[in-house]
All heavy atoms as atom14 arrays in JSON, in Angstrom:
{
  "sequence": "EETLSVKYRGKDISEILKMTFSEARDFFSAVPHLRR",
  "atom14_mask": [
    [1, 1, 1, 1, 1, 1, 1, 1, 1, 0, 0, 0, 0, 0],
    [1, 1, 1, 1, 1, 1, 1, 1, 1, 0, 0, 0, 0, 0],
    [1, 1, 1, 1, 1, 1, 1, 0, 0, 0, 0, 0, 0, 0],
    [1, 1, 1, 1, 1, 1, 1, 1, 0, 0, 0, 0, 0, 0],
    [1, 1, 1, 1, 1, 1, 0, 0, 0, 0, 0, 0, 0, 0],
    [1, 1, 1, 1, 1, 1, 1, 0, 0, 0, 0, 0, 0, 0],
    [1, 1, 1, 1, 1, 1, 1, 1, 1, 0, 0, 0, 0, 0],
    [1, 1, 1, 1, 1, 1, 1, 1, 1, 1, 1, 1, 0, 0],
    [1, 1, 1, 1, 1, 1, 1, 1, 1, 1, 1, 0, 0, 0],
    [1, 1, 1, 1, 0, 0, 0, 0, 0, 0, 0, 0, 0, 0],
    [1, 1, 1, 1, 1, 1, 1, 1, 1, 0, 0, 0, 0, 0],
    [1, 1, 1, 1, 1, 1, 1, 1, 0, 0, 0, 0, 0, 0],
    [1, 1, 1, 1, 1, 1, 1, 1, 0, 0, 0, 0, 0, 0],
    [1, 1, 1, 1, 1, 1, 0, 0, 0, 0, 0, 0, 0, 0],
    [1, 1, 1, 1, 1, 1, 1, 1, 1, 0, 0, 0, 0, 0],
    [1, 1, 1, 1, 1, 1, 1, 1, 0, 0, 0, 0, 0, 0],
    [1, 1, 1, 1, 1, 1, 1, 1, 0, 0, 0, 0, 0, 0],
    [1, 1, 1, 1, 1, 1, 1, 1, 1, 0, 0, 0, 0, 0],
    [1, 1, 1, 1, 1, 1, 1, 1, 0, 0, 0, 0, 0, 0],
    [1, 1, 1, 1, 1, 1, 1, 0, 0, 0, 0, 0, 0, 0],
    [1, 1, 1, 1, 1, 1, 1, 1, 1, 1, 1, 0, 0, 0],
    [1, 1, 1, 1, 1, 1, 0, 0, 0, 0, 0, 0, 0, 0],
    [1, 1, 1, 1, 1, 1, 1, 1, 1, 0, 0, 0, 0, 0],
    [1, 1, 1, 1, 1, 0, 0, 0, 0, 0, 0, 0, 0, 0],
    [1, 1, 1, 1, 1, 1, 1, 1, 1, 1, 1, 0, 0, 0],
    [1, 1, 1, 1, 1, 1, 1, 1, 0, 0, 0, 0, 0, 0],
    [1, 1, 1, 1, 1, 1, 1, 1, 1, 1, 1, 0, 0, 0],
    [1, 1, 1, 1, 1, 1, 1, 1, 1, 1, 1, 0, 0, 0],
    [1, 1, 1, 1, 1, 1, 0, 0, 0, 0, 0, 0, 0, 0],
    [1, 1, 1, 1, 1, 0, 0, 0, 0, 0, 0, 0, 0, 0],
    [1, 1, 1, 1, 1, 1, 1, 0, 0, 0, 0, 0, 0, 0],
    [1, 1, 1, 1, 1, 1, 1, 0, 0, 0, 0, 0, 0, 0],
    [1, 1, 1, 1, 1, 1, 1, 1, 1, 1, 0, 0, 0, 0],
    [1, 1, 1, 1, 1, 1, 1, 1, 0, 0, 0, 0, 0, 0],
    [1, 1, 1, 1, 1, 1, 1, 1, 1, 1, 1, 0, 0, 0],
    [1, 1, 1, 1, 1, 1, 1, 1, 1, 1, 1, 0, 0, 0]
  ],
  "atom14_positions": [
    [[-16.23, 27.02, 35.37], [-16.96, 28.02, 36.01], [-16.75, 29.51, 35.7], [-17.54, 30.32, 35.64], [-16.79, 27.88, 37.68], [-17.39, 26.65, 38.14], [-17.22, 26.46, 39.63], [-16.85, 27.45, 40.29], [-17.37, 25.34, 40.17], [0.0, 0.0, 0.0], [0.0, 0.0, 0.0], [0.0, 0.0, 0.0], [0.0, 0.0, 0.0], [0.0, 0.0, 0.0]],
    [[-15.47, 29.79, 35.37], [-15.03, 31.1, 35.06], [-15.78, 31.62, 33.87], [-16.3, 32.74, 33.84], [-13.53, 31.23, 34.84], [-12.99, 32.71, 34.78], [-11.57, 32.74, 34.68], [-10.9, 31.78, 34.39], [-11.02, 33.93, 34.81], [0.0, 0.0, 0.0], [0.0, 0.0, 0.0], [0.0, 0.0, 0.0], [0.0, 0.0, 0.0], [0.0, 0.0, 0.0]],
    [[-15.78, 30.75, 32.91], [-16.65, 31.1, 31.64], [-17.96, 31.34, 31.96], [-18.74, 32.19, 31.28], [-16.46, 30.01, 30.55], [-15.04, 29.71, 30.23], [-17.13, 30.42, 29.16], [0.0, 0.0, 0.0], [0.0, 0.0, 0.0], [0.0, 0.0, 0.0], [0.0, 0.0, 0.0], [0.0, 0.0, 0.0], [0.0, 0.0, 0.0], [0.0, 0.0, 0.0]],
    [[-18.7, 30.51, 32.74], [-20.04, 30.7, 33.15], [-20.4, 31.88, 33.92], [-21.62, 32.06, 34.25], [-20.48, 29.22, 33.76], [-20.31, 28.03, 32.91], [-20.85, 26.85, 33.68], [-21.07, 28.23, 31.57], [0.0, 0.0, 0.0], [0.0, 0.0, 0.0], [0.0, 0.0, 0.0], [0.0, 0.0, 0.0], [0.0, 0.0, 0.0], [0.0, 0.0, 0.0]],
    [[-19.38, 32.64, 34.34], [-19.73, 33.8, 35.19], [-20.2, 34.96, 34.3], [-20.83, 35.92, 34.82], [-18.38, 34.27, 35.87], [-17.45, 34.75, 35.0], [0.0, 0.0, 0.0], [0.0, 0.0, 0.0], [0.0, 0.0, 0.0], [0.0, 0.0, 0.0], [0.0, 0.0, 0.0], [0.0, 0.0, 0.0], [0.0, 0.0, 0.0], [0.0, 0.0, 0.0]],
    [[-20.08, 34.83, 32.91], [-20.56, 35.87, 32.12], [-21.92, 35.52, 31.69], [-22.16, 34.4, 31.19], [-19.68, 35.93, 30.81], [-20.2, 36.96, 29.8], [-18.22, 36.37, 31.2], [0.0, 0.0, 0.0], [0.0, 0.0, 0.0], [0.0, 0.0, 0.0], [0.0, 0.0, 0.0], [0.0, 0.0, 0.0], [0.0, 0.0, 0.0], [0.0, 0.0, 0.0]],
    [[-22.91, 36.38, 31.83], [-24.33, 36.17, 31.59], [-24.83, 37.19, 30.67], [-24.6, 38.28, 30.75], [-25.13, 36.11, 32.9], [-24.59, 34.99, 33.85], [-25.39, 34.97, 35.2], [-24.93, 33.92, 36.16], [-25.02, 32.57, 35.68], [0.0, 0.0, 0.0], [0.0, 0.0, 0.0], [0.0, 0.0, 0.0], [0.0, 0.0, 0.0], [0.0, 0.0, 0.0]],
    [[-25.8, 36.75, 29.84], [-26.6, 37.56, 28.9], [-28.12, 37.49, 29.39], [-28.6, 36.38, 29.43], [-26.58, 37.16, 27.46], [-27.45, 37.97, 26.6], [-27.1, 39.19, 26.09], [-28.69, 37.37, 26.13], [-28.11, 39.85, 25.31], [-29.53, 38.03, 25.25], [-29.18, 39.22, 24.82], [-30.02, 39.99, 24.06], [0.0, 0.0, 0.0], [0.0, 0.0, 0.0]],
    [[-28.56, 38.53, 29.9], [-29.96, 38.59, 30.4], [-30.09, 37.49, 31.48], [-31.08, 36.8, 31.57], [-31.04, 38.47, 29.39], [-30.98, 39.68, 28.39], [-32.11, 39.43, 27.37], [-33.5, 39.25, 27.98], [-34.51, 38.74, 27.31], [-34.35, 38.42, 26.2], [-35.61, 38.57, 27.97], [0.0, 0.0, 0.0], [0.0, 0.0, 0.0], [0.0, 0.0, 0.0]],
    [[-29.2, 37.29, 32.41], [-29.19, 36.42, 33.46], [-28.83, 34.85, 33.13], [-28.93, 34.03, 34.01], [0.0, 0.0, 0.0], [0.0, 0.0, 0.0], [0.0, 0.0, 0.0], [0.0, 0.0, 0.0], [0.0, 0.0, 0.0], [0.0, 0.0, 0.0], [0.0, 0.0, 0.0], [0.0, 0.0, 0.0], [0.0, 0.0, 0.0], [0.0, 0.0, 0.0]],
    [[-28.52, 34.56, 31.77], [-28.3, 33.11, 31.48], [-26.81, 33.16, 30.88], [-26.38, 34.03, 30.09], [-29.14, 32.88, 30.27], [-30.69, 32.98, 30.57], [-31.11, 31.71, 31.4], [-32.64, 31.64, 31.54], [-32.99, 30.54, 32.28], [0.0, 0.0, 0.0], [0.0, 0.0, 0.0], [0.0, 0.0, 0.0], [0.0, 0.0, 0.0], [0.0, 0.0, 0.0]],
    [[-26.14, 32.09, 31.42], [-24.8, 31.88, 30.84], [-24.81, 31.07, 29.68], [-25.97, 30.5, 29.27], [-23.8, 31.14, 31.89], [-24.45, 29.9, 32.44], [-24.8, 28.97, 31.62], [-24.52, 29.59, 33.58], [0.0, 0.0, 0.0], [0.0, 0.0, 0.0], [0.0, 0.0, 0.0], [0.0, 0.0, 0.0], [0.0, 0.0, 0.0], [0.0, 0.0, 0.0]],
    [[-23.72, 30.89, 28.98], [-23.64, 30.13, 27.64], [-24.23, 28.75, 27.81], [-24.94, 28.16, 26.85], [-22.33, 30.17, 26.98], [-22.34, 29.45, 25.6], [-21.28, 29.48, 27.95], [-23.08, 30.19, 24.48], [0.0, 0.0, 0.0], [0.0, 0.0, 0.0], [0.0, 0.0, 0.0], [0.0, 0.0, 0.0], [0.0, 0.0, 0.0], [0.0, 0.0, 0.0]],
    [[-23.94, 27.98, 28.9], [-24.47, 26.66, 29.1], [-25.99, 26.63, 29.26], [-26.57, 25.77, 28.68], [-23.73, 26.03, 30.3], [-24.21, 24.73, 30.61], [0.0, 0.0, 0.0], [0.0, 0.0, 0.0], [0.0, 0.0, 0.0], [0.0, 0.0, 0.0], [0.0, 0.0, 0.0], [0.0, 0.0, 0.0], [0.0, 0.0, 0.0], [0.0, 0.0, 0.0]],
    [[-26.55, 27.57, 29.97], [-27.94, 27.72, 30.17], [-28.54, 27.97, 28.89], [-29.78, 27.5, 28.61], [-28.35, 28.59, 31.28], [-27.85, 28.25, 32.69], [-28.11, 29.41, 33.61], [-27.83, 30.51, 33.34], [-28.42, 29.09, 34.81], [0.0, 0.0, 0.0], [0.0, 0.0, 0.0], [0.0, 0.0, 0.0], [0.0, 0.0, 0.0], [0.0, 0.0, 0.0]],
    [[-28.11, 28.8, 28.1], [-28.61, 29.05, 26.72], [-28.74, 27.88, 25.82], [-29.66, 27.61, 25.15], [-27.81, 30.23, 26.02], [-28.02, 31.58, 26.88], [-28.07, 30.35, 24.54], [-27.05, 32.6, 26.25], [0.0, 0.0, 0.0], [0.0, 0.0, 0.0], [0.0, 0.0, 0.0], [0.0, 0.0, 0.0], [0.0, 0.0, 0.0], [0.0, 0.0, 0.0]],
    [[-27.57, 26.99, 25.88], [-27.48, 25.79, 25.06], [-28.56, 24.79, 25.53], [-28.94, 23.82, 24.78], [-26.18, 25.25, 24.97], [-25.15, 26.07, 24.17], [-23.73, 25.39, 24.38], [-25.5, 26.1, 22.74], [0.0, 0.0, 0.0], [0.0, 0.0, 0.0], [0.0, 0.0, 0.0], [0.0, 0.0, 0.0], [0.0, 0.0, 0.0], [0.0, 0.0, 0.0]],
    [[-28.99, 24.95, 26.76], [-30.06, 24.03, 27.29], [-31.38, 24.45, 27.01], [-32.44, 23.68, 27.25], [-29.89, 23.88, 28.87], [-28.61, 23.04, 29.19], [-28.42, 22.94, 30.68], [-27.12, 22.17, 31.0], [-26.81, 22.22, 32.45], [0.0, 0.0, 0.0], [0.0, 0.0, 0.0], [0.0, 0.0, 0.0], [0.0, 0.0, 0.0], [0.0, 0.0, 0.0]],
    [[-31.51, 25.55, 26.32], [-32.87, 26.07, 25.88], [-33.37, 25.26, 24.75], [-32.69, 24.79, 23.92], [-32.93, 27.63, 25.59], [-32.62, 28.56, 26.61], [-32.74, 30.24, 26.0], [-32.55, 31.12, 27.54], [0.0, 0.0, 0.0], [0.0, 0.0, 0.0], [0.0, 0.0, 0.0], [0.0, 0.0, 0.0], [0.0, 0.0, 0.0], [0.0, 0.0, 0.0]],
    [[-34.63, 25.2, 24.58], [-35.37, 24.85, 23.43], [-35.29, 25.86, 22.29], [-35.09, 27.06, 22.71], [-36.84, 24.33, 23.5], [-37.65, 25.37, 23.9], [-36.79, 23.2, 24.67], [0.0, 0.0, 0.0], [0.0, 0.0, 0.0], [0.0, 0.0, 0.0], [0.0, 0.0, 0.0], [0.0, 0.0, 0.0], [0.0, 0.0, 0.0], [0.0, 0.0, 0.0]],
    [[-35.53, 25.55, 21.08], [-35.5, 26.59, 20.12], [-36.64, 27.57, 20.32], [-36.52, 28.73, 20.05], [-35.69, 25.96, 18.61], [-34.35, 25.48, 18.1], [-33.9, 24.21, 18.32], [-33.49, 26.36, 17.37], [-32.68, 23.75, 17.95], [-32.2, 25.89, 16.94], [-31.82, 24.6, 17.14], [0.0, 0.0, 0.0], [0.0, 0.0, 0.0], [0.0, 0.0, 0.0]],
    [[-37.75, 27.02, 20.84], [-39.01, 27.98, 21.12], [-38.61, 28.89, 22.16], [-38.95, 30.17, 22.06], [-40.2, 27.14, 21.53], [-40.66, 26.38, 20.42], [0.0, 0.0, 0.0], [0.0, 0.0, 0.0], [0.0, 0.0, 0.0], [0.0, 0.0, 0.0], [0.0, 0.0, 0.0], [0.0, 0.0, 0.0], [0.0, 0.0, 0.0], [0.0, 0.0, 0.0]],
    [[-37.92, 28.49, 23.2], [-37.57, 29.36, 24.31], [-36.58, 30.3, 23.88], [-36.53, 31.62, 24.19], [-37.05, 28.46, 25.5], [-37.99, 27.54, 26.16], [-37.36, 26.57, 27.16], [-36.16, 26.36, 26.97], [-38.09, 25.99, 28.02], [0.0, 0.0, 0.0], [0.0, 0.0, 0.0], [0.0, 0.0, 0.0], [0.0, 0.0, 0.0], [0.0, 0.0, 0.0]],
    [[-35.6, 29.91, 23.07], [-34.49, 30.74, 22.59], [-35.05, 31.84, 21.72], [-34.67, 32.93, 21.66], [-33.44, 29.94, 21.9], [0.0, 0.0, 0.0], [0.0, 0.0, 0.0], [0.0, 0.0, 0.0], [0.0, 0.0, 0.0], [0.0, 0.0, 0.0], [0.0, 0.0, 0.0], [0.0, 0.0, 0.0], [0.0, 0.0, 0.0], [0.0, 0.0, 0.0]],
    [[-36.04, 31.47, 20.85], [-36.62, 32.5, 19.93], [-37.15, 33.74, 20.71], [-37.11, 34.76, 20.33], [-37.72, 31.83, 19.14], [-38.49, 32.79, 18.17], [-39.68, 32.08, 17.7], [-40.68, 31.46, 18.61], [-41.67, 30.71, 18.43], [-41.82, 30.35, 17.18], [-42.45, 30.23, 19.38], [0.0, 0.0, 0.0], [0.0, 0.0, 0.0], [0.0, 0.0, 0.0]],
    [[-37.85, 33.39, 21.8], [-38.44, 34.43, 22.66], [-37.32, 35.1, 23.38], [-37.43, 36.41, 23.61], [-39.53, 33.86, 23.71], [-40.73, 33.18, 23.0], [-40.98, 33.54, 21.9], [-41.23, 32.3, 23.58], [0.0, 0.0, 0.0], [0.0, 0.0, 0.0], [0.0, 0.0, 0.0], [0.0, 0.0, 0.0], [0.0, 0.0, 0.0], [0.0, 0.0, 0.0]],
    [[-36.39, 34.39, 23.95], [-35.3, 34.94, 24.67], [-34.36, 35.93, 23.84], [-34.05, 37.03, 24.39], [-34.32, 33.78, 25.2], [-33.29, 34.27, 26.15], [-33.71, 34.65, 27.47], [-31.97, 34.26, 25.85], [-32.59, 35.03, 28.32], [-30.99, 34.69, 26.6], [-31.41, 35.14, 27.92], [0.0, 0.0, 0.0], [0.0, 0.0, 0.0], [0.0, 0.0, 0.0]],
    [[-34.16, 35.66, 22.61], [-33.36, 36.49, 21.7], [-34.28, 37.3, 20.74], [-33.81, 37.64, 19.63], [-32.44, 35.68, 20.94], [-31.27, 34.98, 21.62], [-31.36, 33.56, 21.99], [-30.3, 35.74, 22.29], [-30.41, 32.97, 22.72], [-29.28, 35.1, 23.03], [-29.38, 33.69, 23.28], [0.0, 0.0, 0.0], [0.0, 0.0, 0.0], [0.0, 0.0, 0.0]],
    [[-35.48, 37.73, 21.13], [-36.36, 38.48, 20.37], [-35.76, 39.84, 19.93], [-36.2, 40.4, 18.91], [-37.78, 38.76, 21.12], [-37.38, 39.51, 22.28], [0.0, 0.0, 0.0], [0.0, 0.0, 0.0], [0.0, 0.0, 0.0], [0.0, 0.0, 0.0], [0.0, 0.0, 0.0], [0.0, 0.0, 0.0], [0.0, 0.0, 0.0], [0.0, 0.0, 0.0]],
    [[-34.84, 40.36, 20.64], [-34.18, 41.58, 20.29], [-32.88, 41.43, 19.47], [-32.26, 42.45, 19.22], [-33.83, 42.42, 21.57], [0.0, 0.0, 0.0], [0.0, 0.0, 0.0], [0.0, 0.0, 0.0], [0.0, 0.0, 0.0], [0.0, 0.0, 0.0], [0.0, 0.0, 0.0], [0.0, 0.0, 0.0], [0.0, 0.0, 0.0], [0.0, 0.0, 0.0]],
    [[-32.52, 40.21, 19.09], [-31.39, 40.03, 18.31], [-31.81, 39.43, 16.95], [-31.99, 38.24, 16.73], [-30.41, 38.92, 18.89], [-29.11, 38.96, 18.24], [-30.1, 39.37, 20.43], [0.0, 0.0, 0.0], [0.0, 0.0, 0.0], [0.0, 0.0, 0.0], [0.0, 0.0, 0.0], [0.0, 0.0, 0.0], [0.0, 0.0, 0.0], [0.0, 0.0, 0.0]],
    [[-32.01, 40.33, 16.0], [-32.62, 39.96, 14.61], [-32.1, 38.73, 13.92], [-32.77, 37.88, 13.54], [-32.37, 41.25, 13.78], [-32.31, 42.27, 14.79], [-31.57, 41.81, 15.93], [0.0, 0.0, 0.0], [0.0, 0.0, 0.0], [0.0, 0.0, 0.0], [0.0, 0.0, 0.0], [0.0, 0.0, 0.0], [0.0, 0.0, 0.0], [0.0, 0.0, 0.0]],
    [[-30.59, 38.66, 13.87], [-30.03, 37.47, 13.17], [-30.37, 36.21, 13.89], [-30.75, 35.1, 13.14], [-28.6, 37.7, 13.01], [-28.09, 38.92, 12.18], [-28.52, 38.91, 10.92], [-27.4, 40.0, 12.45], [-28.12, 40.08, 10.4], [-27.42, 40.74, 11.35], [0.0, 0.0, 0.0], [0.0, 0.0, 0.0], [0.0, 0.0, 0.0], [0.0, 0.0, 0.0]],
    [[-30.27, 36.16, 15.16], [-30.5, 34.83, 15.83], [-32.07, 34.56, 15.78], [-32.4, 33.49, 15.63], [-30.21, 35.1, 17.38], [-28.63, 34.93, 17.6], [-28.33, 35.29, 19.09], [-28.25, 33.4, 17.42], [0.0, 0.0, 0.0], [0.0, 0.0, 0.0], [0.0, 0.0, 0.0], [0.0, 0.0, 0.0], [0.0, 0.0, 0.0], [0.0, 0.0, 0.0]],
    [[-33.0, 35.64, 15.99], [-34.33, 35.3, 16.0], [-34.79, 34.83, 14.72], [-35.6, 33.78, 14.77], [-35.06, 36.66, 16.33], [-36.61, 36.54, 16.58], [-37.37, 37.66, 16.67], [-37.26, 38.48, 15.33], [-36.83, 39.64, 15.16], [-36.27, 40.27, 16.17], [-36.88, 40.32, 14.06], [0.0, 0.0, 0.0], [0.0, 0.0, 0.0], [0.0, 0.0, 0.0]],
    [[-34.34, 35.27, 13.63], [-34.78, 34.68, 12.3], [-34.42, 33.25, 12.1], [-35.12, 32.5, 11.72], [-34.14, 35.58, 11.2], [-34.28, 35.04, 9.8], [-35.8, 35.01, 9.4], [-35.88, 34.19, 8.08], [-37.06, 33.38, 7.9], [-37.89, 33.26, 8.84], [-37.12, 32.88, 6.69], [0.0, 0.0, 0.0], [0.0, 0.0, 0.0], [0.0, 0.0, 0.0]]
  ]
}
C-alpha cells in the first residue's frame, strides 16, 4: 500500500500496469520515450 500511495496523473504503478498498450499510449502522450 505505501508504494501505491504515489500516483502519476491519478494512477499508481499497479493501475498503470493494468492498462492496455492502447490506453497507456494515450495516458503517456506527454512522455516521448514511452509514447514511441
